[in-house]
């Protein structure tokens, strides 16, 4: 996945959790994601994104 492939509304996953992209900072390559369970936002660096098309919750890390 390329940085330019990321867009607002996209479902993404990372080791911090999964959710919906709400904002993208191109200057720092930071993606802001709203958690799927409680809608709290968190930030991840582009390099931390998981290129798996399945978005899992933190509780699903055993998969």
PDB file of N, CA and C in Angstrom:
ATOM      1  N   UNK A   1       0.846  -1.171   0.000  1.00  0.00           N
ATOM      2  CA  UNK A   1       0.000   0.000   0.000  1.00  0.00           C
ATOM      3  C   UNK A   1       0.895   1.238   0.000  1.00  0.00           C
ATOM      4  N   UNK A   2       0.510   2.202  -0.778  1.00  0.00           N
ATOM      5  CA  UNK A   2       1.227   3.478  -0.852  1.00  0.00           C
ATOM      6  C   UNK A   2       0.503   4.514  -0.001  1.00  0.00           C
ATOM      7  N   UNK A   3       1.241   5.529   0.457  1.00  0.00           N
ATOM      8  CA  UNK A   3       0.641   6.571   1.283  1.00  0.00           C
ATOM      9  C   UNK A   3      -0.522   7.245   0.553  1.00  0.00           C
ATOM     10  N   UNK A   4      -0.392   7.430  -0.748  1.00  0.00           N
ATOM     11  CA  UNK A   4      -1.445   8.079  -1.535  1.00  0.00           C
ATOM     12  C   UNK A   4      -2.708   7.232  -1.649  1.00  0.00           C
ATOM     13  N   UNK A   5      -2.630   5.943  -1.303  1.00  0.00           N
ATOM     14  CA  UNK A   5      -3.806   5.070  -1.337  1.00  0.00           C
ATOM     15  C   UNK A   5      -4.734   5.301  -0.143  1.00  0.00           C
ATOM     16  N   UNK A   6      -4.218   5.915   0.919  1.00  0.00           N
ATOM     17  CA  UNK A   6      -5.013   6.159   2.128  1.00  0.00           C
ATOM     18  C   UNK A   6      -5.982   7.305   1.862  1.00  0.00           C
ATOM     19  N   UNK A   7      -7.236   7.139   2.292  1.00  0.00           N
ATOM     20  CA  UNK A   7      -8.223   8.210   2.146  1.00  0.00           C
ATOM     21  C   UNK A   7      -9.174   8.214   3.338  1.00  0.00           C
ATOM     22  N   UNK A   8      -9.784   9.343   3.587  1.00  0.00           N
ATOM     23  CA  UNK A   8     -10.732   9.493   4.696  1.00  0.00           C
ATOM     24  C   UNK A   8     -11.919   8.576   4.457  1.00  0.00           C
ATOM     25  N   UNK A   9     -12.326   7.875   5.505  1.00  0.00           N
ATOM     26  CA  UNK A   9     -13.428   6.930   5.413  1.00  0.00           C
ATOM     27  C   UNK A   9     -12.971   5.495   5.215  1.00  0.00           C
ATOM     28  N   UNK A  10     -11.699   5.314   4.916  1.00  0.00           N
ATOM     29  CA  UNK A  10     -11.137   3.986   4.680  1.00  0.00           C
ATOM     30  C   UNK A  10     -10.985   3.239   6.003  1.00  0.00           C
ATOM     31  N   UNK A  11     -11.251   1.945   5.990  1.00  0.00           N
ATOM     32  CA  UNK A  11     -11.035   1.099   7.163  1.00  0.00           C
ATOM     33  C   UNK A  11      -9.579   0.659   7.178  1.00  0.00           C
ATOM     34  N   UNK A  12      -8.914   0.861   8.299  1.00  0.00           N
ATOM     35  CA  UNK A  12      -7.503   0.494   8.430  1.00  0.00           C
ATOM     36  C   UNK A  12      -7.275  -0.233   9.744  1.00  0.00           C
ATOM     37  N   UNK A  13      -6.205  -0.982   9.772  1.00  0.00           N
ATOM     38  CA  UNK A  13      -5.809  -1.672  10.982  1.00  0.00           C
ATOM     39  C   UNK A  13      -4.356  -1.393  11.305  1.00  0.00           C
ATOM     40  N   UNK A  14      -4.036  -1.448  12.599  1.00  0.00           N
ATOM     41  CA  UNK A  14      -2.664  -1.286  13.068  1.00  0.00           C
ATOM     42  C   UNK A  14      -2.536  -2.058  14.369  1.00  0.00           C
ATOM     43  N   UNK A  15      -1.341  -2.097  14.914  1.00  0.00           N
ATOM     44  CA  UNK A  15      -1.145  -2.776  16.191  1.00  0.00           C
ATOM     45  C   UNK A  15      -1.837  -2.036  17.323  1.00  0.00           C
ATOM     46  N   UNK A  16      -2.128  -0.743  17.124  1.00  0.00           N
ATOM     47  CA  UNK A  16      -2.838   0.051  18.131  1.00  0.00           C
ATOM     48  C   UNK A  16      -4.339  -0.193  18.094  1.00  0.00           C
ATOM     49  N   UNK A  17      -4.836  -0.742  17.009  1.00  0.00           N
ATOM     50  CA  UNK A  17      -6.263  -0.992  16.857  1.00  0.00           C
ATOM     51  C   UNK A  17      -6.695  -0.765  15.427  1.00  0.00           C
ATOM     52  N   UNK A  18      -7.982  -0.881  15.204  1.00  0.00           N
ATOM     53  CA  UNK A  18      -8.513  -0.681  13.860  1.00  0.00           C
ATOM     54  C   UNK A  18      -9.654   0.316  13.904  1.00  0.00           C
ATOM     55  N   UNK A  19      -9.982   0.853  12.745  1.00  0.00           N
ATOM     56  CA  UNK A  19     -11.066   1.812  12.683  1.00  0.00           C
ATOM     57  C   UNK A  19     -11.132   2.494  11.340  1.00  0.00           C
ATOM     58  N   UNK A  20     -11.721   3.677  11.343  1.00  0.00           N
ATOM     59  CA  UNK A  20     -11.959   4.444  10.127  1.00  0.00           C
ATOM     60  C   UNK A  20     -11.048   5.668  10.106  1.00  0.00           C
ATOM     61  N   UNK A  21     -10.406   5.894   8.984  1.00  0.00           N
ATOM     62  CA  UNK A  21      -9.526   7.056   8.837  1.00  0.00           C
ATOM     63  C   UNK A  21     -10.367   8.325   8.885  1.00  0.00           C
ATOM     64  N   UNK A  22      -9.992   9.253   9.792  1.00  0.00           N
ATOM     65  CA  UNK A  22     -10.725  10.510   9.922  1.00  0.00           C
ATOM     66  C   UNK A  22      -9.920  11.709   9.445  1.00  0.00           C
ATOM     67  N   UNK A  23      -8.578  11.586   9.458  1.00  0.00           N
ATOM     68  CA  UNK A  23      -7.748  12.704   9.034  1.00  0.00           C
ATOM     69  C   UNK A  23      -6.381  12.176   8.644  1.00  0.00           C
ATOM     70  N   UNK A  24      -5.750  12.809   7.667  1.00  0.00           N
ATOM     71  CA  UNK A  24      -4.435  12.395   7.179  1.00  0.00           C
ATOM     72  C   UNK A  24      -3.524  13.612   7.179  1.00  0.00           C
ATOM     73  N   UNK A  25      -2.362  13.481   7.820  1.00  0.00           N
ATOM     74  CA  UNK A  25      -1.363  14.547   7.837  1.00  0.00           C
ATOM     75  C   UNK A  25      -0.232  14.136   6.906  1.00  0.00           C
ATOM     76  N   UNK A  26      -0.226  14.699   5.711  1.00  0.00           N
ATOM     77  CA  UNK A  26       0.763  14.326   4.711  1.00  0.00           C
ATOM     78  C   UNK A  26       2.174  14.748   5.063  1.00  0.00           C
ATOM     79  N   UNK A  27       2.324  15.831   5.835  1.00  0.00           N
ATOM     80  CA  UNK A  27       3.667  16.315   6.157  1.00  0.00           C
ATOM     81  C   UNK A  27       4.397  15.385   7.124  1.00  0.00           C
ATOM     82  N   UNK A  28       3.669  14.740   8.022  1.00  0.00           N
ATOM     83  CA  UNK A  28       4.300  13.821   8.980  1.00  0.00           C
ATOM     84  C   UNK A  28       3.966  12.361   8.689  1.00  0.00           C
ATOM     85  N   UNK A  29       3.161  12.120   7.655  1.00  0.00           N
ATOM     86  CA  UNK A  29       2.708  10.766   7.283  1.00  0.00           C
ATOM     87  C   UNK A  29       2.011  10.088   8.471  1.00  0.00           C
ATOM     88  N   UNK A  30       1.189  10.874   9.171  1.00  0.00           N
ATOM     89  CA  UNK A  30       0.408  10.383  10.305  1.00  0.00           C
ATOM     90  C   UNK A  30      -1.036  10.219   9.883  1.00  0.00           C
ATOM     91  N   UNK A  31      -1.615   9.075  10.272  1.00  0.00           N
ATOM     92  CA  UNK A  31      -3.017   8.788   9.972  1.00  0.00           C
ATOM     93  C   UNK A  31      -3.779   8.822  11.294  1.00  0.00           C
ATOM     94  N   UNK A  32      -4.893   9.519  11.339  1.00  0.00           N
ATOM     95  CA  UNK A  32      -5.747   9.574  12.522  1.00  0.00           C
ATOM     96  C   UNK A  32      -6.945   8.670  12.272  1.00  0.00           C
ATOM     97  N   UNK A  33      -7.173   7.761  13.206  1.00  0.00           N
ATOM     98  CA  UNK A  33      -8.192   6.724  13.040  1.00  0.00           C
ATOM     99  C   UNK A  33      -9.181   6.790  14.199  1.00  0.00           C
ATOM    100  N   UNK A  34     -10.476   6.671  13.898  1.00  0.00           N
ATOM    101  CA  UNK A  34     -11.523   6.588  14.919  1.00  0.00           C
ATOM    102  C   UNK A  34     -11.772   5.116  15.206  1.00  0.00           C
ATOM    103  N   UNK A  35     -11.648   4.737  16.466  1.00  0.00           N
ATOM    104  CA  UNK A  35     -11.848   3.359  16.903  1.00  0.00           C
ATOM    105  C   UNK A  35     -13.251   2.894  16.548  1.00  0.00           C
ATOM    106  N   UNK A  36     -13.385   1.642  16.123  1.00  0.00           N
ATOM    107  CA  UNK A  36     -14.688   1.124  15.705  1.00  0.00           C
ATOM    108  C   UNK A  36     -15.631   0.885  16.881  1.00  0.00           C
ATOM    109  N   UNK A  37     -15.095   0.690  18.071  1.00  0.00           N
ATOM    110  CA  UNK A  37     -15.959   0.373  19.213  1.00  0.00           C
ATOM    111  C   UNK A  37     -16.492   1.604  19.934  1.00  0.00           C
ATOM    112  N   UNK A  38     -15.604   2.546  20.290  1.00  0.00           N
ATOM    113  CA  UNK A  38     -16.048   3.680  21.095  1.00  0.00           C
ATOM    114  C   UNK A  38     -15.828   5.029  20.420  1.00  0.00           C
ATOM    115  N   UNK A  39     -15.423   5.015  19.152  1.00  0.00           N
ATOM    116  CA  UNK A  39     -15.253   6.218  18.341  1.00  0.00           C
ATOM    117  C   UNK A  39     -14.169   7.163  18.863  1.00  0.00           C
ATOM    118  N   UNK A  40     -13.296   6.683  19.770  1.00  0.00           N
ATOM    119  CA  UNK A  40     -12.156   7.482  20.209  1.00  0.00           C
ATOM    120  C   UNK A  40     -11.099   7.471  19.121  1.00  0.00           C
ATOM    121  N   UNK A  41     -10.477   8.608  18.896  1.00  0.00           N
ATOM    122  CA  UNK A  41      -9.458   8.706  17.855  1.00  0.00           C
ATOM    123  C   UNK A  41      -8.071   8.413  18.413  1.00  0.00           C
ATOM    124  N   UNK A  42      -7.228   7.845  17.559  1.00  0.00           N
ATOM    125  CA  UNK A  42      -5.828   7.639  17.887  1.00  0.00           C
ATOM    126  C   UNK A  42      -5.026   7.841  16.617  1.00  0.00           C
ATOM    127  N   UNK A  43      -3.723   8.066  16.785  1.00  0.00           N
ATOM    128  CA  UNK A  43      -2.890   8.330  15.619  1.00  0.00           C
ATOM    129  C   UNK A  43      -1.872   7.222  15.432  1.00  0.00           C
ATOM    130  N   UNK A  44      -1.579   6.945  14.186  1.00  0.00           N
ATOM    131  CA  UNK A  44      -0.552   5.969  13.835  1.00  0.00           C
ATOM    132  C   UNK A  44       0.271   6.536  12.684  1.00  0.00           C
ATOM    133  N   UNK A  45       1.519   6.141  12.641  1.00  0.00           N
ATOM    134  CA  UNK A  45       2.374   6.491  11.524  1.00  0.00           C
ATOM    135  C   UNK A  45       2.024   5.574  10.362  1.00  0.00           C
ATOM    136  N   UNK A  46       2.198   6.049   9.149  1.00  0.00           N
ATOM    137  CA  UNK A  46       1.874   5.248   7.977  1.00  0.00           C
ATOM    138  C   UNK A  46       2.561   3.888   8.017  1.00  0.00           C
ATOM    139  N   UNK A  47       3.791   3.854   8.491  1.00  0.00           N
ATOM    140  CA  UNK A  47       4.557   2.608   8.538  1.00  0.00           C
ATOM    141  C   UNK A  47       3.987   1.591   9.522  1.00  0.00           C
ATOM    142  N   UNK A  48       3.116   2.029  10.442  1.00  0.00           N
ATOM    143  CA  UNK A  48       2.517   1.142  11.431  1.00  0.00           C
ATOM    144  C   UNK A  48       1.238   0.459  10.940  1.00  0.00           C
ATOM    145  N   UNK A  49       0.732   0.879   9.782  1.00  0.00           N
ATOM    146  CA  UNK A  49      -0.491   0.284   9.255  1.00  0.00           C
ATOM    147  C   UNK A  49      -0.243  -1.157   8.823  1.00  0.00           C
ATOM    148  N   UNK A  50      -1.231  -1.987   9.031  1.00  0.00           N
ATOM    149  CA  UNK A  50      -1.160  -3.385   8.633  1.00  0.00           C
ATOM    150  C   UNK A  50      -1.780  -3.504   7.248  1.00  0.00           C
ATOM    151  N   UNK A  51      -1.076  -4.123   6.337  1.00  0.00           N
ATOM    152  CA  UNK A  51      -1.567  -4.243   4.966  1.00  0.00           C
ATOM    153  C   UNK A  51      -2.529  -5.411   4.799  1.00  0.00           C
ATOM    154  N   UNK A  52      -3.147  -5.843   5.852  1.00  0.00           N
ATOM    155  CA  UNK A  52      -4.134  -6.905   5.822  1.00  0.00           C
ATOM    156  C   UNK A  52      -5.492  -6.275   5.543  1.00  0.00           C
ATOM    157  N   UNK A  53      -6.231  -6.750   4.556  1.00  0.00           N
ATOM    158  CA  UNK A  53      -7.521  -6.134   4.257  1.00  0.00           C
ATOM    159  C   UNK A  53      -8.567  -6.311   5.347  1.00  0.00           C
ATOM    160  N   UNK A  54      -8.331  -7.215   6.297  1.00  0.00           N
ATOM    161  CA  UNK A  54      -9.269  -7.426   7.390  1.00  0.00           C
ATOM    162  C   UNK A  54      -8.903  -6.502   8.541  1.00  0.00           C
ATOM    163  N   UNK A  55      -9.851  -5.742   9.027  1.00  0.00           N
ATOM    164  CA  UNK A  55      -9.617  -4.858  10.168  1.00  0.00           C
ATOM    165  C   UNK A  55     -10.096  -5.548  11.431  1.00  0.00           C
ATOM    166  N   UNK A  56      -9.192  -5.739  12.373  1.00  0.00           N
ATOM    167  CA  UNK A  56      -9.526  -6.412  13.628  1.00  0.00           C
ATOM    168  C   UNK A  56      -9.458  -5.440  14.793  1.00  0.00           C
ATOM    169  N   UNK A  57     -10.176  -5.771  15.834  1.00  0.00           N
ATOM    170  CA  UNK A  57     -10.114  -5.003  17.070  1.00  0.00           C
ATOM    171  C   UNK A  57      -8.900  -5.448  17.867  1.00  0.00           C
ATOM    172  N   UNK A  58      -8.533  -4.683  18.874  1.00  0.00           N
ATOM    173  CA  UNK A  58      -7.389  -5.046  19.708  1.00  0.00           C
ATOM    174  C   UNK A  58      -7.554  -6.412  20.341  1.00  0.00           C
ATOM    175  N   UNK A  59      -8.794  -6.768  20.651  1.00  0.00           N
ATOM    176  CA  UNK A  59      -9.055  -8.052  21.291  1.00  0.00           C
ATOM    177  C   UNK A  59      -8.801  -9.225  20.350  1.00  0.00           C
ATOM    178  N   UNK A  60      -8.701  -8.951  19.053  1.00  0.00           N
ATOM    179  CA  UNK A  60      -8.524 -10.005  18.052  1.00  0.00           C
ATOM    180  C   UNK A  60      -7.061 -10.258  17.711  1.00  0.00           C
ATOM    181  N   UNK A  61      -6.132  -9.793  18.534  1.00  0.00           N
ATOM    182  CA  UNK A  61      -4.727  -9.925  18.180  1.00  0.00           C
ATOM    183  C   UNK A  61      -4.227 -11.351  18.192  1.00  0.00           C
ATOM    184  N   UNK A  62      -4.997 -12.285  18.731  1.00  0.00           N
ATOM    185  CA  UNK A  62      -4.542 -13.661  18.763  1.00  0.00           C
ATOM    186  C   UNK A  62      -4.717 -14.353  17.429  1.00  0.00           C
ATOM    187  N   UNK A  63      -5.376 -13.738  16.454  1.00  0.00           N
ATOM    188  CA  UNK A  63      -5.584 -14.358  15.151  1.00  0.00           C
ATOM    189  C   UNK A  63      -4.322 -14.400  14.348  1.00  0.00           C
TER     190      UNK A  63
END
